[in-house]
């Protein structure tokens, strides 16, 4: 885990840092497992008052590691659908592994403050959205990028996004995958605050929270999370059902191949608009 995530605890505040800086903290299987393990460990950490979640280097998290798409690219060459475990398998309680990577931070009793710089794209954006408060440096770039690979966002925080952003804006961002910067993210409602040093600011806010009644702080998190999470089991399963129907299909493989070959995609039409 230490080659992916580092945890330090001081003054009852845990600082969880993604340390795969050479890969812009991209999400490979080891990174997802390390983030889940970190979250699960901190659920049981005695005396903990707050958590700061950040990424070392040029990015908070640049999204899924490109190697994750190699099987899809290979399928595009051979015409065979890649073998994989269905995402609908609930491997981590209510969630699958990618969903747990982002959702685990909402399950911890104490507040989690994410601090981003550089990039938080695709899966990295979803991990960012799993925090209770979100700070970012000026110019930080965000994207709901899954559509770039012919996919839907499916890491467990779509219900959080829907609570923060207008429906039409959210659909526009998810359907285009366009990159937007910190100023726009703040206007939309995805960011709590923009700060020149988001990690320092997150730690400062964490210290302010740590000085308050810990029972009240935990109660506030639960009070505001529970309405949003009330239909979470159904939402998580729906994400996976939709993604399972798309992933590895001809159009999704074509999206990956077109992206890797730097060409315009040629998609087959959908038979019917009715769902």
Protein backbone atom coordinates (compact mmCIF):
# COMPACT_ATOMS: atom_id res chain seq x y z
CA UNK A 1 0.00 0.00 0.00
CA UNK A 2 2.83 2.43 0.77
CA UNK A 3 3.82 2.71 -2.90
CA UNK A 4 0.32 4.03 -3.61
CA UNK A 5 -0.99 5.70 -0.44
CA UNK A 6 0.72 7.18 2.61
CA UNK A 7 -1.08 7.93 5.88
CA UNK A 8 0.18 10.20 8.62
CA UNK A 9 -1.78 10.99 11.79
CA UNK A 10 -0.99 14.04 13.90
CA UNK A 11 -3.12 16.04 16.33
CA UNK A 12 -6.01 13.60 15.72
CA UNK A 13 -6.01 14.46 11.99
CA UNK A 14 -5.17 11.86 9.34
CA UNK A 15 -3.54 12.97 6.10
CA UNK A 16 -4.08 10.40 3.34
CA UNK A 17 -1.82 11.11 0.37
CA UNK A 18 -1.82 9.34 -2.97
CA UNK A 19 1.90 9.01 -3.72
CA UNK A 20 2.01 7.63 -7.26
CA UNK A 21 3.19 11.01 -8.49
CA UNK A 22 5.04 9.63 -11.53
CA UNK A 23 1.67 8.42 -12.90
CA UNK A 24 -0.27 11.48 -11.69
CA UNK A 25 -1.83 9.20 -9.05
CA UNK A 26 -3.75 7.29 -11.71
CA UNK A 27 -6.14 4.61 -10.49
CA UNK A 28 -4.83 1.13 -11.13
CA UNK A 29 -6.04 -1.88 -9.13
CA UNK A 30 -3.34 -1.36 -6.50
CA UNK A 31 -4.31 2.30 -6.02
CA UNK A 32 -7.99 1.46 -5.65
CA UNK A 33 -7.22 -1.26 -3.12
CA UNK A 34 -4.87 1.06 -1.21
CA UNK A 35 -7.50 3.80 -1.01
CA UNK A 36 -10.13 1.34 0.18
CA UNK A 37 -7.75 -0.13 2.76
CA UNK A 38 -6.89 3.37 4.00
CA UNK A 39 -10.55 4.28 4.39
CA UNK A 40 -11.40 1.04 6.16
CA UNK A 41 -8.46 1.43 8.54
CA UNK A 42 -9.44 4.99 9.43
CA UNK A 43 -13.03 3.98 10.20
CA UNK A 44 -11.65 2.27 13.31
CA UNK A 45 -8.92 4.78 14.23
CA UNK A 46 -9.47 5.76 17.87
CA UNK A 47 -9.62 9.48 18.60
CA UNK A 48 -9.66 10.56 14.96
CA UNK A 49 -11.34 13.95 14.36
CA UNK A 50 -10.84 14.68 10.62
CA UNK A 51 -9.18 13.40 7.43
CA UNK A 52 -7.44 15.26 4.61
CA UNK A 53 -7.22 13.46 1.26
CA UNK A 54 -4.69 14.71 -1.31
CA UNK A 55 -2.42 13.64 -4.16
CA UNK A 56 1.33 14.19 -4.46
CA UNK A 57 2.89 15.87 -7.48
CA UNK A 58 1.20 17.51 -10.46
CA UNK A 59 -2.27 16.04 -9.93
CA UNK A 60 -4.78 14.97 -7.34
CA UNK A 61 -5.67 12.00 -9.56
CA UNK A 62 -5.64 11.82 -13.36
CA UNK A 63 -8.28 9.06 -13.49
CA UNK A 64 -8.04 5.43 -14.54
CA UNK A 65 -4.62 4.11 -15.44
CA UNK A 66 -4.37 3.71 -19.21
CA UNK A 67 -3.35 0.08 -18.71
CA UNK A 68 -6.95 -0.58 -17.61
CA UNK A 69 -8.01 -0.09 -21.23
CA UNK A 70 -5.45 -2.46 -22.72
CA UNK A 71 -7.84 -5.43 -22.62
CA UNK A 72 -10.47 -3.34 -24.40
CA UNK A 73 -7.95 -2.29 -27.03
CA UNK A 74 -6.91 -5.92 -27.51
CA UNK A 75 -10.58 -6.84 -27.95
CA UNK A 76 -10.83 -4.18 -30.62
CA UNK A 77 -8.07 -5.92 -32.53
CA UNK A 78 -9.36 -9.48 -32.11
CA UNK A 79 -13.11 -8.84 -32.11
CA UNK A 80 -13.50 -10.82 -28.86
CA UNK A 81 -15.21 -9.36 -25.81
CA UNK A 82 -12.74 -9.17 -22.89
CA UNK A 83 -13.45 -11.49 -19.97
CA UNK A 84 -14.24 -9.66 -16.75
CA UNK A 85 -16.22 -9.95 -13.54
CA UNK A 86 -19.66 -8.27 -13.78
CA UNK A 87 -19.75 -4.89 -12.06
CA UNK A 88 -23.10 -5.85 -10.56
CA UNK A 89 -21.26 -8.29 -8.25
CA UNK A 90 -21.34 -6.61 -4.83
CA UNK A 91 -17.77 -7.32 -3.72
CA UNK A 92 -17.58 -4.61 -1.03
CA UNK A 93 -20.85 -4.51 0.86
CA UNK A 94 -23.28 -2.45 -1.24
CA UNK A 95 -20.59 -1.66 -3.81
CA UNK A 96 -18.06 -3.09 -6.22
CA UNK A 97 -14.37 -2.21 -5.90
CA UNK A 98 -14.30 0.98 -8.03
CA UNK A 99 -17.41 2.30 -6.26
CA UNK A 100 -15.94 1.55 -2.85
CA UNK A 101 -12.84 3.59 -3.78
CA UNK A 102 -14.97 6.74 -3.80
CA UNK A 103 -17.77 5.76 -1.42
CA UNK A 104 -15.60 4.65 1.50
CA UNK A 105 -14.92 8.29 2.43
CA UNK A 106 -18.64 8.91 2.96
CA UNK A 107 -18.82 5.88 5.25
CA UNK A 108 -16.23 7.20 7.73
CA UNK A 109 -17.75 8.92 10.75
CA UNK A 110 -15.41 11.94 10.71
CA UNK A 111 -15.32 14.63 7.98
CA UNK A 112 -13.10 14.04 4.96
CA UNK A 113 -11.61 17.10 3.23
CA UNK A 114 -10.18 16.62 -0.28
CA UNK A 115 -7.49 19.00 -1.58
CA UNK A 116 -6.76 19.00 -5.31
CA UNK A 117 -4.26 20.57 -7.67
CA UNK A 118 -3.51 20.05 -11.33
CA UNK A 119 -6.07 17.46 -12.40
CA UNK A 120 -8.96 15.45 -10.98
CA UNK A 121 -10.32 13.59 -13.99
CA UNK A 122 -12.77 10.73 -14.48
CA UNK A 123 -12.35 8.30 -11.61
CA UNK A 124 -10.15 10.85 -9.86
CA UNK A 125 -13.01 13.34 -9.96
CA UNK A 126 -15.33 10.74 -8.46
CA UNK A 127 -12.90 10.05 -5.60
CA UNK A 128 -12.71 13.81 -5.06
CA UNK A 129 -16.50 13.99 -4.93
CA UNK A 130 -16.57 11.34 -2.21
CA UNK A 131 -15.21 13.86 0.30
CA UNK A 132 -17.37 16.04 2.55
CA UNK A 133 -15.54 19.25 1.62
CA UNK A 134 -13.50 19.91 -1.49
CA UNK A 135 -10.76 22.54 -1.94
CA UNK A 136 -8.74 23.12 -5.11
CA UNK A 137 -5.93 25.31 -6.38
CA UNK A 138 -6.71 27.95 -9.02
CA UNK A 139 -6.73 26.43 -12.49
CA UNK A 140 -7.26 22.85 -11.32
CA UNK A 141 -8.87 20.90 -14.15
CA UNK A 142 -11.81 18.56 -13.67
CA UNK A 143 -13.79 16.27 -15.94
CA UNK A 144 -16.53 13.65 -15.76
CA UNK A 145 -14.42 11.91 -18.37
CA UNK A 146 -15.89 8.40 -18.65
CA UNK A 147 -17.71 9.23 -21.91
CA UNK A 148 -14.28 9.65 -23.54
CA UNK A 149 -13.94 5.86 -23.26
CA UNK A 150 -17.58 5.20 -24.21
CA UNK A 151 -18.64 4.65 -20.59
CA UNK A 152 -20.88 6.14 -17.92
CA UNK A 153 -19.63 7.46 -14.54
CA UNK A 154 -19.99 4.48 -12.22
CA UNK A 155 -17.82 4.93 -9.12
CA UNK A 156 -20.58 5.63 -6.64
CA UNK A 157 -20.75 9.42 -6.42
CA UNK A 158 -23.23 10.22 -9.19
CA UNK A 159 -25.86 10.83 -6.50
CA UNK A 160 -23.55 13.36 -4.81
CA UNK A 161 -23.01 15.21 -8.09
CA UNK A 162 -26.77 15.25 -8.70
CA UNK A 163 -27.33 16.85 -5.33
CA UNK A 164 -24.80 19.63 -5.97
CA UNK A 165 -25.27 20.53 -9.64
CA UNK A 166 -28.21 21.44 -11.86
CA UNK A 167 -29.43 18.46 -13.84
CA UNK A 168 -28.85 20.04 -17.26
CA UNK A 169 -25.29 21.10 -16.39
CA UNK A 170 -24.48 17.66 -15.01
CA UNK A 171 -25.79 15.95 -18.13
CA UNK A 172 -23.82 18.33 -20.35
CA UNK A 173 -20.59 17.61 -18.46
CA UNK A 174 -21.14 13.84 -18.37
CA UNK A 175 -22.23 13.57 -22.01
CA UNK A 176 -19.39 15.67 -23.43
CA UNK A 177 -16.59 14.84 -20.98
CA UNK A 178 -15.27 18.37 -21.40
CA UNK A 179 -12.65 19.71 -19.03
CA UNK A 180 -13.69 22.55 -16.71
CA UNK A 181 -11.54 24.51 -14.30
CA UNK A 182 -11.79 25.42 -10.63
CA UNK A 183 -13.72 28.68 -11.14
CA UNK A 184 -16.49 26.88 -13.01
CA UNK A 185 -16.45 23.97 -10.56
CA UNK A 186 -17.02 26.45 -7.74
CA UNK A 187 -19.91 28.09 -9.61
CA UNK A 188 -21.50 24.70 -10.30
CA UNK A 189 -21.25 23.68 -6.64
CA UNK A 190 -18.61 20.96 -6.86
CA UNK A 191 -16.01 22.96 -4.90
CA UNK A 192 -16.18 24.29 -1.37
CA UNK A 193 -13.43 26.84 -1.93
CA UNK A 194 -10.51 27.76 -4.19
CA UNK A 195 -7.21 28.32 -2.40
CA UNK A 196 -3.62 28.86 -3.52
CA UNK A 197 -2.48 26.06 -1.20
CA UNK A 198 -5.44 23.68 -0.92
CA UNK A 199 -3.62 21.11 1.23
CA UNK A 200 -2.56 23.70 3.81
CA UNK A 201 -6.07 25.13 3.82
CA UNK A 202 -7.60 21.66 4.21
CA UNK A 203 -5.33 20.94 7.17
CA UNK A 204 -6.23 24.30 8.71
CA UNK A 205 -9.96 23.55 8.39
CA UNK A 206 -9.35 20.06 9.77
CA UNK A 207 -7.71 21.59 12.85
CA UNK A 208 -10.68 23.92 13.29
CA UNK A 209 -13.06 20.95 13.13
CA UNK A 210 -10.87 18.89 15.46
CA UNK A 211 -11.32 21.58 18.13
CA UNK A 212 -15.12 21.13 18.09
CA UNK A 213 -17.29 18.60 19.91
CA UNK A 214 -16.51 15.33 18.06
CA UNK A 215 -19.97 13.91 18.76
CA UNK A 216 -21.59 16.96 17.15
CA UNK A 217 -19.21 16.85 14.17
CA UNK A 218 -19.98 13.19 13.51
CA UNK A 219 -23.69 13.93 13.96
CA UNK A 220 -23.54 16.74 11.40
CA UNK A 221 -21.92 14.47 8.81
CA UNK A 222 -24.54 11.81 9.38
CA UNK A 223 -27.37 14.37 9.31
CA UNK A 224 -26.41 15.72 5.91
CA UNK A 225 -25.22 12.44 4.34
CA UNK A 226 -28.20 10.26 5.15
CA UNK A 227 -30.80 12.00 2.92
CA UNK A 228 -28.41 11.87 -0.04
CA UNK A 229 -27.48 8.24 0.63
CA UNK A 230 -31.00 7.01 1.34
CA UNK A 231 -31.34 5.35 -2.08
CA UNK A 232 -27.64 4.51 -2.37
CA UNK A 233 -28.02 0.71 -2.81
CA UNK A 234 -30.32 1.20 -5.80
CA UNK A 235 -28.09 3.93 -7.26
CA UNK A 236 -24.92 1.86 -6.98
CA UNK A 237 -26.58 -1.15 -8.58
CA UNK A 238 -28.07 0.97 -11.39
CA UNK A 239 -24.62 2.42 -12.18
CA UNK A 240 -23.26 -1.12 -12.49
CA UNK A 241 -26.19 -2.48 -14.53
CA UNK A 242 -25.89 0.33 -17.07
CA UNK A 243 -22.10 0.00 -17.27
CA UNK A 244 -22.23 -3.80 -17.63
CA UNK A 245 -24.56 -3.39 -20.62
CA UNK A 246 -22.14 -0.93 -22.27
CA UNK A 247 -18.65 -2.09 -21.41
CA UNK A 248 -16.97 -4.35 -23.95
CA UNK A 249 -19.68 -3.75 -26.54
CA UNK A 250 -18.81 -2.68 -30.10
CA UNK A 251 -19.45 1.02 -29.50
CA UNK A 252 -17.46 1.13 -26.29
CA UNK A 253 -14.54 -0.70 -27.89
CA UNK A 254 -14.73 1.73 -30.82
CA UNK A 255 -14.58 4.67 -28.36
CA UNK A 256 -11.37 3.28 -26.84
CA UNK A 257 -9.80 2.47 -30.20
CA UNK A 258 -10.64 5.90 -31.65
CA UNK A 259 -9.16 7.61 -28.60
CA UNK A 260 -5.96 5.58 -28.74
CA UNK A 261 -5.62 5.98 -32.50
CA UNK A 262 -6.40 9.72 -32.33
CA UNK A 263 -9.19 9.54 -34.88
CA UNK A 264 -12.89 10.26 -35.05
CA UNK A 265 -15.03 7.43 -33.72
CA UNK A 266 -17.48 5.59 -35.99
CA UNK A 267 -20.35 4.40 -33.80
CA UNK A 268 -23.24 2.10 -34.70
CA UNK A 269 -26.69 3.63 -34.23
CA UNK A 270 -28.78 2.53 -31.25
CA UNK A 271 -31.76 0.50 -32.41
CA UNK A 272 -34.35 2.43 -30.40
CA UNK A 273 -34.48 5.59 -28.30
CA UNK A 274 -37.02 3.97 -25.96
CA UNK A 275 -35.61 2.58 -22.70
